[in-house]
Amino acid sequence: MTLNDLIDSIYTDVNKSTSSTSINKLEIRRVLASLGDVTTHELGVELGEVPLPGIGKLKSAVSAARTGRNPKTGETIAIPAKNVVKFVAAKSLKDAIA
């Protein structure tokens, strides 16, 4: 699915369920861009979590420092701690794809 396909799907779904007001595709594009900005800020700066209703949650976490091995040379290397993003799927999503 491309971004345009996603926008078209949202546009169709929102406008079929709403009789009095409608939302246009440009507004949907702006909302999705804003979602990206808010998510980046919340996970990157605040180390928080972002709920995605009906889909799941994006959570930021710290991956602990550890030792690894270079597969080519076998040399042991130190892998530093870093911030990572984890996705936790909602039960409804898990049930839908099971």
PDB file of N, CA and C in Angstrom:
ATOM      1  N   MET A   1       0.847  -1.168   0.000  1.00  0.00           N
ATOM      2  CA  MET A   1       0.000   0.000   0.000  1.00  0.00           C
ATOM      3  C   MET A   1       0.896   1.235   0.000  1.00  0.00           C
ATOM      4  N   THR A   2       0.594   2.169  -0.855  1.00  0.00           N
ATOM      5  CA  THR A   2       1.337   3.420  -0.919  1.00  0.00           C
ATOM      6  C   THR A   2       0.640   4.475  -0.050  1.00  0.00           C
ATOM      7  N   LEU A   3       1.297   5.605   0.126  1.00  0.00           N
ATOM      8  CA  LEU A   3       0.696   6.696   0.888  1.00  0.00           C
ATOM      9  C   LEU A   3      -0.598   7.162   0.231  1.00  0.00           C
ATOM     10  N   ASN A   4      -0.609   7.260  -1.085  1.00  0.00           N
ATOM     11  CA  ASN A   4      -1.824   7.672  -1.781  1.00  0.00           C
ATOM     12  C   ASN A   4      -2.948   6.649  -1.611  1.00  0.00           C
ATOM     13  N   ASP A   5      -2.605   5.364  -1.617  1.00  0.00           N
ATOM     14  CA  ASP A   5      -3.607   4.321  -1.375  1.00  0.00           C
ATOM     15  C   ASP A   5      -4.181   4.449   0.038  1.00  0.00           C
ATOM     16  N   LEU A   6      -3.313   4.728   1.006  1.00  0.00           N
ATOM     17  CA  LEU A   6      -3.753   4.904   2.383  1.00  0.00           C
ATOM     18  C   LEU A   6      -4.696   6.102   2.495  1.00  0.00           C
ATOM     19  N   ILE A   7      -4.323   7.200   1.878  1.00  0.00           N
ATOM     20  CA  ILE A   7      -5.164   8.397   1.898  1.00  0.00           C
ATOM     21  C   ILE A   7      -6.511   8.115   1.247  1.00  0.00           C
ATOM     22  N   ASP A   8      -6.512   7.432   0.116  1.00  0.00           N
ATOM     23  CA  ASP A   8      -7.773   7.085  -0.559  1.00  0.00           C
ATOM     24  C   ASP A   8      -8.655   6.203   0.328  1.00  0.00           C
ATOM     25  N   SER A   9      -8.051   5.230   0.996  1.00  0.00           N
ATOM     26  CA  SER A   9      -8.816   4.333   1.870  1.00  0.00           C
ATOM     27  C   SER A   9      -9.414   5.083   3.047  1.00  0.00           C
ATOM     28  N   ILE A  10      -8.629   5.952   3.660  1.00  0.00           N
ATOM     29  CA  ILE A  10      -9.130   6.743   4.783  1.00  0.00           C
ATOM     30  C   ILE A  10     -10.242   7.670   4.313  1.00  0.00           C
ATOM     31  N   TYR A  11     -10.036   8.305   3.172  1.00  0.00           N
ATOM     32  CA  TYR A  11     -11.034   9.225   2.604  1.00  0.00           C
ATOM     33  C   TYR A  11     -12.367   8.501   2.387  1.00  0.00           C
ATOM     34  N   THR A  12     -12.301   7.322   1.789  1.00  0.00           N
ATOM     35  CA  THR A  12     -13.516   6.544   1.525  1.00  0.00           C
ATOM     36  C   THR A  12     -14.190   6.124   2.819  1.00  0.00           C
ATOM     37  N   ASP A  13     -13.400   5.629   3.763  1.00  0.00           N
ATOM     38  CA  ASP A  13     -13.956   5.150   5.022  1.00  0.00           C
ATOM     39  C   ASP A  13     -14.576   6.283   5.837  1.00  0.00           C
ATOM     40  N   VAL A  14     -13.895   7.402   5.952  1.00  0.00           N
ATOM     41  CA  VAL A  14     -14.396   8.525   6.753  1.00  0.00           C
ATOM     42  C   VAL A  14     -15.637   9.136   6.122  1.00  0.00           C
ATOM     43  N   ASN A  15     -15.637   9.313   4.828  1.00  0.00           N
ATOM     44  CA  ASN A  15     -16.753   9.986   4.179  1.00  0.00           C
ATOM     45  C   ASN A  15     -17.985   9.104   4.006  1.00  0.00           C
ATOM     46  N   LYS A  16     -17.830   7.795   4.064  1.00  0.00           N
ATOM     47  CA  LYS A  16     -19.024   6.948   3.990  1.00  0.00           C
ATOM     48  C   LYS A  16     -19.725   6.878   5.336  1.00  0.00           C
ATOM     49  N   SER A  17     -18.958   7.058   6.425  1.00  0.00           N
ATOM     50  CA  SER A  17     -19.561   6.955   7.749  1.00  0.00           C
ATOM     51  C   SER A  17     -20.043   8.302   8.279  1.00  0.00           C
ATOM     52  N   THR A  18     -19.699   9.394   7.600  1.00  0.00           N
ATOM     53  CA  THR A  18     -20.112  10.717   8.053  1.00  0.00           C
ATOM     54  C   THR A  18     -21.060  11.307   7.031  1.00  0.00           C
ATOM     55  N   SER A  19     -22.241  11.671   7.471  1.00  0.00           N
ATOM     56  CA  SER A  19     -23.223  12.180   6.521  1.00  0.00           C
ATOM     57  C   SER A  19     -23.211  13.697   6.423  1.00  0.00           C
ATOM     58  N   SER A  20     -22.946  14.408   7.519  1.00  0.00           N
ATOM     59  CA  SER A  20     -23.073  15.866   7.496  1.00  0.00           C
ATOM     60  C   SER A  20     -21.789  16.581   7.088  1.00  0.00           C
ATOM     61  N   THR A  21     -20.639  16.118   7.522  1.00  0.00           N
ATOM     62  CA  THR A  21     -19.380  16.774   7.171  1.00  0.00           C
ATOM     63  C   THR A  21     -18.483  15.786   6.464  1.00  0.00           C
ATOM     64  N   SER A  22     -17.596  16.334   5.673  1.00  0.00           N
ATOM     65  CA  SER A  22     -16.640  15.469   4.989  1.00  0.00           C
ATOM     66  C   SER A  22     -15.243  16.046   5.186  1.00  0.00           C
ATOM     67  N   ILE A  23     -14.267  15.223   4.951  1.00  0.00           N
ATOM     68  CA  ILE A  23     -12.872  15.628   5.050  1.00  0.00           C
ATOM     69  C   ILE A  23     -12.241  15.384   3.692  1.00  0.00           C
ATOM     70  N   ASN A  24     -11.395  16.304   3.254  1.00  0.00           N
ATOM     71  CA  ASN A  24     -10.791  16.120   1.939  1.00  0.00           C
ATOM     72  C   ASN A  24      -9.426  15.434   2.055  1.00  0.00           C
ATOM     73  N   LYS A  25      -8.892  15.035   0.931  1.00  0.00           N
ATOM     74  CA  LYS A  25      -7.655  14.263   0.910  1.00  0.00           C
ATOM     75  C   LYS A  25      -6.453  15.081   1.376  1.00  0.00           C
ATOM     76  N   LEU A  26      -6.450  16.382   1.127  1.00  0.00           N
ATOM     77  CA  LEU A  26      -5.359  17.229   1.590  1.00  0.00           C
ATOM     78  C   LEU A  26      -5.322  17.274   3.119  1.00  0.00           C
ATOM     79  N   GLU A  27      -6.481  17.344   3.748  1.00  0.00           N
ATOM     80  CA  GLU A  27      -6.542  17.341   5.209  1.00  0.00           C
ATOM     81  C   GLU A  27      -6.047  16.010   5.771  1.00  0.00           C
ATOM     82  N   ILE A  28      -6.385  14.926   5.112  1.00  0.00           N
ATOM     83  CA  ILE A  28      -5.908  13.607   5.543  1.00  0.00           C
ATOM     84  C   ILE A  28      -4.392  13.551   5.435  1.00  0.00           C
ATOM     85  N   ARG A  29      -3.836  14.048   4.353  1.00  0.00           N
ATOM     86  CA  ARG A  29      -2.381  14.078   4.162  1.00  0.00           C
ATOM     87  C   ARG A  29      -1.728  14.890   5.280  1.00  0.00           C
ATOM     88  N   ARG A  30      -2.324  16.023   5.641  1.00  0.00           N
ATOM     89  CA  ARG A  30      -1.779  16.866   6.714  1.00  0.00           C
ATOM     90  C   ARG A  30      -1.829  16.156   8.067  1.00  0.00           C
ATOM     91  N   VAL A  31      -2.919  15.452   8.324  1.00  0.00           N
ATOM     92  CA  VAL A  31      -3.046  14.712   9.585  1.00  0.00           C
ATOM     93  C   VAL A  31      -1.986  13.618   9.662  1.00  0.00           C
ATOM     94  N   LEU A  32      -1.765  12.903   8.581  1.00  0.00           N
ATOM     95  CA  LEU A  32      -0.756  11.843   8.578  1.00  0.00           C
ATOM     96  C   LEU A  32       0.648  12.412   8.767  1.00  0.00           C
ATOM     97  N   ALA A  33       0.929  13.557   8.144  1.00  0.00           N
ATOM     98  CA  ALA A  33       2.231  14.207   8.322  1.00  0.00           C
ATOM     99  C   ALA A  33       2.400  14.660   9.770  1.00  0.00           C
ATOM    100  N   SER A  34       1.337  15.202  10.338  1.00  0.00           N
ATOM    101  CA  SER A  34       1.376  15.638  11.728  1.00  0.00           C
ATOM    102  C   SER A  34       1.567  14.446  12.657  1.00  0.00           C
ATOM    103  N   LEU A  35       0.915  13.332  12.351  1.00  0.00           N
ATOM    104  CA  LEU A  35       1.091  12.117  13.150  1.00  0.00           C
ATOM    105  C   LEU A  35       2.559  11.708  13.161  1.00  0.00           C
ATOM    106  N   GLY A  36       3.209  11.807  12.019  1.00  0.00           N
ATOM    107  CA  GLY A  36       4.630  11.481  11.949  1.00  0.00           C
ATOM    108  C   GLY A  36       5.472  12.406  12.810  1.00  0.00           C
ATOM    109  N   ASP A  37       5.171  13.699  12.767  1.00  0.00           N
ATOM    110  CA  ASP A  37       5.918  14.676  13.569  1.00  0.00           C
ATOM    111  C   ASP A  37       5.706  14.456  15.062  1.00  0.00           C
ATOM    112  N   VAL A  38       4.453  14.253  15.463  1.00  0.00           N
ATOM    113  CA  VAL A  38       4.134  14.037  16.875  1.00  0.00           C
ATOM    114  C   VAL A  38       4.777  12.744  17.370  1.00  0.00           C
ATOM    115  N   THR A  39       4.715  11.701  16.576  1.00  0.00           N
ATOM    116  CA  THR A  39       5.305  10.418  16.954  1.00  0.00           C
ATOM    117  C   THR A  39       6.812  10.547  17.115  1.00  0.00           C
ATOM    118  N   THR A  40       7.463  11.219  16.169  1.00  0.00           N
ATOM    119  CA  THR A  40       8.906  11.413  16.243  1.00  0.00           C
ATOM    120  C   THR A  40       9.282  12.165  17.512  1.00  0.00           C
ATOM    121  N   HIS A  41       8.548  13.213  17.831  1.00  0.00           N
ATOM    122  CA  HIS A  41       8.840  13.981  19.038  1.00  0.00           C
ATOM    123  C   HIS A  41       8.602  13.150  20.293  1.00  0.00           C
ATOM    124  N   GLU A  42       7.467  12.504  20.351  1.00  0.00           N
ATOM    125  CA  GLU A  42       7.101  11.755  21.560  1.00  0.00           C
ATOM    126  C   GLU A  42       8.065  10.595  21.818  1.00  0.00           C
ATOM    127  N   LEU A  43       8.447   9.887  20.779  1.00  0.00           N
ATOM    128  CA  LEU A  43       9.320   8.727  20.966  1.00  0.00           C
ATOM    129  C   LEU A  43      10.787   9.129  21.052  1.00  0.00           C
ATOM    130  N   GLY A  44      11.159  10.187  20.340  1.00  0.00           N
ATOM    131  CA  GLY A  44      12.566  10.571  20.292  1.00  0.00           C
ATOM    132  C   GLY A  44      12.999  11.435  21.448  1.00  0.00           C
ATOM    133  N   VAL A  45      12.192  12.393  21.818  1.00  0.00           N
ATOM    134  CA  VAL A  45      12.575  13.344  22.844  1.00  0.00           C
ATOM    135  C   VAL A  45      12.076  12.912  24.214  1.00  0.00           C
ATOM    136  N   GLU A  46      10.851  12.480  24.274  1.00  0.00           N
ATOM    137  CA  GLU A  46      10.217  12.188  25.551  1.00  0.00           C
ATOM    138  C   GLU A  46      10.382  10.737  26.011  1.00  0.00           C
ATOM    139  N   LEU A  47      10.810   9.852  25.152  1.00  0.00           N
ATOM    140  CA  LEU A  47      10.876   8.417  25.457  1.00  0.00           C
ATOM    141  C   LEU A  47       9.526   7.918  25.987  1.00  0.00           C
ATOM    142  N   GLY A  48       8.475   8.230  25.247  1.00  0.00           N
ATOM    143  CA  GLY A  48       7.129   7.884  25.666  1.00  0.00           C
ATOM    144  C   GLY A  48       6.529   6.795  24.811  1.00  0.00           C
ATOM    145  N   GLU A  49       5.214   6.868  24.666  1.00  0.00           N
ATOM    146  CA  GLU A  49       4.513   5.911  23.825  1.00  0.00           C
ATOM    147  C   GLU A  49       3.402   6.639  23.078  1.00  0.00           C
ATOM    148  N   VAL A  50       3.059   6.103  21.918  1.00  0.00           N
ATOM    149  CA  VAL A  50       2.037   6.687  21.060  1.00  0.00           C
ATOM    150  C   VAL A  50       0.995   5.613  20.759  1.00  0.00           C
ATOM    151  N   PRO A  51      -0.264   5.842  21.175  1.00  0.00           N
ATOM    152  CA  PRO A  51      -1.307   4.873  20.867  1.00  0.00           C
ATOM    153  C   PRO A  51      -1.792   5.036  19.430  1.00  0.00           C
ATOM    154  N   LEU A  52      -2.025   3.939  18.770  1.00  0.00           N
ATOM    155  CA  LEU A  52      -2.594   3.918  17.426  1.00  0.00           C
ATOM    156  C   LEU A  52      -3.882   3.103  17.532  1.00  0.00           C
ATOM    157  N   PRO A  53      -5.015   3.764  17.728  1.00  0.00           N
ATOM    158  CA  PRO A  53      -6.267   3.055  18.009  1.00  0.00           C
ATOM    159  C   PRO A  53      -6.580   1.966  16.985  1.00  0.00           C
ATOM    160  N   GLY A  54      -6.880   0.785  17.497  1.00  0.00           N
ATOM    161  CA  GLY A  54      -7.217  -0.349  16.653  1.00  0.00           C
ATOM    162  C   GLY A  54      -6.010  -1.042  16.038  1.00  0.00           C
ATOM    163  N   ILE A  55      -4.820  -0.465  16.231  1.00  0.00           N
ATOM    164  CA  ILE A  55      -3.608  -1.030  15.639  1.00  0.00           C
ATOM    165  C   ILE A  55      -2.652  -1.510  16.729  1.00  0.00           C
ATOM    166  N   GLY A  56      -2.366  -0.635  17.679  1.00  0.00           N
ATOM    167  CA  GLY A  56      -1.451  -0.987  18.761  1.00  0.00           C
ATOM    168  C   GLY A  56      -0.806   0.239  19.340  1.00  0.00           C
ATOM    169  N   LYS A  57       0.409   0.074  19.860  1.00  0.00           N
ATOM    170  CA  LYS A  57       1.163   1.178  20.454  1.00  0.00           C
ATOM    171  C   LYS A  57       2.587   1.141  19.946  1.00  0.00           C
ATOM    172  N   LEU A  58       3.137   2.339  19.760  1.00  0.00           N
ATOM    173  CA  LEU A  58       4.566   2.481  19.528  1.00  0.00           C
ATOM    174  C   LEU A  58       5.170   2.943  20.832  1.00  0.00           C
ATOM    175  N   LYS A  59       6.198   2.256  21.302  1.00  0.00           N
ATOM    176  CA  LYS A  59       6.840   2.602  22.566  1.00  0.00           C
ATOM    177  C   LYS A  59       8.329   2.789  22.336  1.00  0.00           C
ATOM    178  N   SER A  60       8.907   3.751  23.031  1.00  0.00           N
ATOM    179  CA  SER A  60      10.349   3.884  22.983  1.00  0.00           C
ATOM    180  C   SER A  60      10.924   3.175  24.205  1.00  0.00           C
ATOM    181  N   ALA A  61      12.072   2.581  24.026  1.00  0.00           N
ATOM    182  CA  ALA A  61      12.739   1.849  25.092  1.00  0.00           C
ATOM    183  C   ALA A  61      14.238   1.988  24.895  1.00  0.00           C
ATOM    184  N   VAL A  62      14.972   1.635  25.912  1.00  0.00           N
ATOM    185  CA  VAL A  62      16.424   1.680  25.834  1.00  0.00           C
ATOM    186  C   VAL A  62      16.934   0.251  25.688  1.00  0.00           C
ATOM    187  N   SER A  63      17.703   0.028  24.630  1.00  0.00           N
ATOM    188  CA  SER A  63      18.336  -1.266  24.421  1.00  0.00           C
ATOM    189  C   SER A  63      19.660  -1.251  25.186  1.00  0.00           C
ATOM    190  N   ALA A  64      19.841  -2.188  26.079  1.00  0.00           N
ATOM    191  CA  ALA A  64      21.037  -2.223  26.921  1.00  0.00           C
ATOM    192  C   ALA A  64      22.305  -2.470  26.099  1.00  0.00           C
ATOM    193  N   ALA A  65      23.414  -2.001  26.626  1.00  0.00           N
ATOM    194  CA  ALA A  65      24.705  -2.264  25.995  1.00  0.00           C
ATOM    195  C   ALA A  65      24.995  -3.758  26.090  1.00  0.00           C
ATOM    196  N   ARG A  66      25.665  -4.270  25.090  1.00  0.00           N
ATOM    197  CA  ARG A  66      25.970  -5.701  25.084  1.00  0.00           C
ATOM    198  C   ARG A  66      27.211  -5.954  24.242  1.00  0.00           C
ATOM    199  N   THR A  67      27.696  -7.164  24.303  1.00  0.00           N
ATOM    200  CA  THR A  67      28.818  -7.535  23.448  1.00  0.00           C
ATOM    201  C   THR A  67      28.286  -8.367  22.296  1.00  0.00           C
ATOM    202  N   GLY A  68      28.880  -8.175  21.144  1.00  0.00           N
ATOM    203  CA  GLY A  68      28.492  -8.917  19.957  1.00  0.00           C
ATOM    204  C   GLY A  68      29.715  -9.507  19.293  1.00  0.00           C
ATOM    205  N   ARG A  69      29.486 -10.135  18.185  1.00  0.00           N
ATOM    206  CA  ARG A  69      30.593 -10.761  17.477  1.00  0.00           C
ATOM    207  C   ARG A  69      30.489 -10.425  15.999  1.00  0.00           C
ATOM    208  N   ASN A  70      31.584  -9.981  15.423  1.00  0.00           N
ATOM    209  CA  ASN A  70      31.652  -9.719  13.996  1.00  0.00           C
ATOM    210  C   ASN A  70      31.600 -11.077  13.292  1.00  0.00           C
ATOM    211  N   PRO A  71      30.559 -11.329  12.484  1.00  0.00           N
ATOM    212  CA  PRO A  71      30.431 -12.663  11.881  1.00  0.00           C
ATOM    213  C   PRO A  71      31.534 -12.986  10.873  1.00  0.00           C
ATOM    214  N   LYS A  72      32.127 -11.966  10.309  1.00  0.00           N
ATOM    215  CA  LYS A  72      33.167 -12.212   9.306  1.00  0.00           C
ATOM    216  C   LYS A  72      34.500 -12.589   9.948  1.00  0.00           C
ATOM    217  N   THR A  73      34.874 -11.843  11.002  1.00  0.00           N
ATOM    218  CA  THR A  73      36.187 -12.073  11.611  1.00  0.00           C
ATOM    219  C   THR A  73      36.112 -12.846  12.919  1.00  0.00           C
ATOM    220  N   GLY A  74      34.930 -12.891  13.541  1.00  0.00           N
ATOM    221  CA  GLY A  74      34.793 -13.556  14.827  1.00  0.00           C
ATOM    222  C   GLY A  74      35.228 -12.674  15.988  1.00  0.00           C
ATOM    223  N   GLU A  75      35.646 -11.456  15.690  1.00  0.00           N
ATOM    224  CA  GLU A  75      36.114 -10.532  16.715  1.00  0.00           C
ATOM    225  C   GLU A  75      34.944 -10.076  17.610  1.00  0.00           C
ATOM    226  N   THR A  76      35.199  -9.986  18.906  1.00  0.00           N
ATOM    227  CA  THR A  76      34.194  -9.499  19.844  1.00  0.00           C
ATOM    228  C   THR A  76      34.171  -7.978  19.792  1.00  0.00           C
ATOM    229  N   ILE A  77      32.951  -7.422  19.743  1.00  0.00           N
ATOM    230  CA  ILE A  77      32.814  -5.966  19.692  1.00  0.00           C
ATOM    231  C   ILE A  77      31.805  -5.516  20.748  1.00  0.00           C
ATOM    232  N   ALA A  78      31.960  -4.269  21.189  1.00  0.00           N
ATOM    233  CA  ALA A  78      31.032  -3.692  22.165  1.00  0.00           C
ATOM    234  C   ALA A  78      29.930  -2.969  21.402  1.00  0.00           C
ATOM    235  N   ILE A  79      28.687  -3.291  21.711  1.00  0.00           N
ATOM    236  CA  ILE A  79      27.533  -2.629  21.104  1.00  0.00           C
ATOM    237  C   ILE A  79      26.954  -1.712  22.176  1.00  0.00           C
ATOM    238  N   PRO A  80      26.966  -0.395  21.923  1.00  0.00           N
ATOM    239  CA  PRO A  80      26.510   0.547  22.960  1.00  0.00           C
ATOM    240  C   PRO A  80      24.996   0.524  23.148  1.00  0.00           C
ATOM    241  N   ALA A  81      24.549   1.029  24.279  1.00  0.00           N
ATOM    242  CA  ALA A  81      23.115   1.171  24.543  1.00  0.00           C
ATOM    243  C   ALA A  81      22.545   2.203  23.582  1.00  0.00           C
ATOM    244  N   LYS A  82      21.275   2.044  23.224  1.00  0.00           N
ATOM    245  CA  LYS A  82      20.650   3.008  22.325  1.00  0.00           C
ATOM    246  C   LYS A  82      19.140   2.986  22.526  1.00  0.00           C
ATOM    247  N   ASN A  83      18.496   4.041  22.069  1.00  0.00           N
ATOM    248  CA  ASN A  83      17.035   4.115  22.108  1.00  0.00           C
ATOM    249  C   ASN A  83      16.482   3.369  20.903  1.00  0.00           C
ATOM    250  N   VAL A  84      15.437   2.591  21.132  1.00  0.00           N
ATOM    251  CA  VAL A  84      14.803   1.818  20.069  1.00  0.00           C
ATOM    252  C   VAL A  84      13.290   2.024  20.127  1.00  0.00           C
ATOM    253  N   VAL A  85      12.611   1.752  19.028  1.00  0.00           N
ATOM    254  CA  VAL A  85      11.163   1.833  18.973  1.00  0.00           C
ATOM    255  C   VAL A  85      10.611   0.412  18.931  1.00  0.00           C
ATOM    256  N   LYS A  86       9.631   0.151  19.789  1.00  0.00           N
ATOM    257  CA  LYS A  86       8.987  -1.159  19.819  1.00  0.00           C
ATOM    258  C   LYS A  86       7.514  -0.980  19.481  1.00  0.00           C
ATOM    259  N   PHE A  87       6.974  -1.943  18.767  1.00  0.00           N
ATOM    260  CA  PHE A  87       5.560  -1.936  18.417  1.00  0.00           C
ATOM    261  C   PHE A  87       4.867  -3.055  19.164  1.00  0.00           C
ATOM    262  N   VAL A  88       3.770  -2.721  19.835  1.00  0.00           N
ATOM    263  CA  VAL A  88       2.954  -3.709  20.530  1.00  0.00           C
ATOM    264  C   VAL A  88       1.606  -3.731  19.825  1.00  0.00           C
ATOM    265  N   ALA A  89       1.285  -4.832  19.181  1.00  0.00           N
ATOM    266  CA  ALA A  89       0.045  -4.942  18.413  1.00  0.00           C
ATOM    267  C   ALA A  89      -1.161  -5.061  19.336  1.00  0.00           C
ATOM    268  N   ALA A  90      -2.256  -4.433  18.935  1.00  0.00           N
ATOM    269  CA  ALA A  90      -3.519  -4.527  19.666  1.00  0.00           C
ATOM    270  C   ALA A  90      -4.105  -5.926  19.474  1.00  0.00           C
ATOM    271  N   LYS A  91      -4.896  -6.341  20.428  1.00  0.00           N
ATOM    272  CA  LYS A  91      -5.516  -7.665  20.345  1.00  0.00           C
ATOM    273  C   LYS A  91      -6.364  -7.802  19.086  1.00  0.00           C
ATOM    274  N   SER A  92      -7.091  -6.738  18.736  1.00  0.00           N
ATOM    275  CA  SER A  92      -7.935  -6.804  17.547  1.00  0.00           C
ATOM    276  C   SER A  92      -7.115  -7.017  16.281  1.00  0.00           C
ATOM    277  N   LEU A  93      -5.932  -6.431  16.204  1.00  0.00           N
ATOM    278  CA  LEU A  93      -5.048  -6.631  15.059  1.00  0.00           C
ATOM    279  C   LEU A  93      -4.499  -8.046  15.040  1.00  0.00           C
ATOM    280  N   LYS A  94      -4.082  -8.520  16.194  1.00  0.00           N
ATOM    281  CA  LYS A  94      -3.575  -9.893  16.289  1.00  0.00           C
ATOM    282  C   LYS A  94      -4.644 -10.898  15.855  1.00  0.00           C
ATOM    283  N   ASP A  95      -5.872 -10.682  16.310  1.00  0.00           N
ATOM    284  CA  ASP A  95      -6.968 -11.589  15.962  1.00  0.00           C
ATOM    285  C   ASP A  95      -7.280 -11.524  14.470  1.00  0.00           C
ATOM    286  N   ALA A  96      -7.172 -10.344  13.881  1.00  0.00           N
ATOM    287  CA  ALA A  96      -7.502 -10.165  12.462  1.00  0.00           C
ATOM    288  C   ALA A  96      -6.526 -10.873  11.532  1.00  0.00           C
ATOM    289  N   ILE A  97      -5.252 -10.974  11.948  1.00  0.00           N
ATOM    290  CA  ILE A  97      -4.265 -11.589  11.054  1.00  0.00           C
ATOM    291  C   ILE A  97      -3.959 -13.028  11.419  1.00  0.00           C
ATOM    292  N   ALA A  98      -4.543 -13.513  12.493  1.00  0.00           N
ATOM    293  CA  ALA A  98      -4.292 -14.882  12.932  1.00  0.00           C
ATOM    294  C   ALA A  98      -5.069 -15.882  12.077  1.00  0.00           C
TER     295      ALA A  98
END
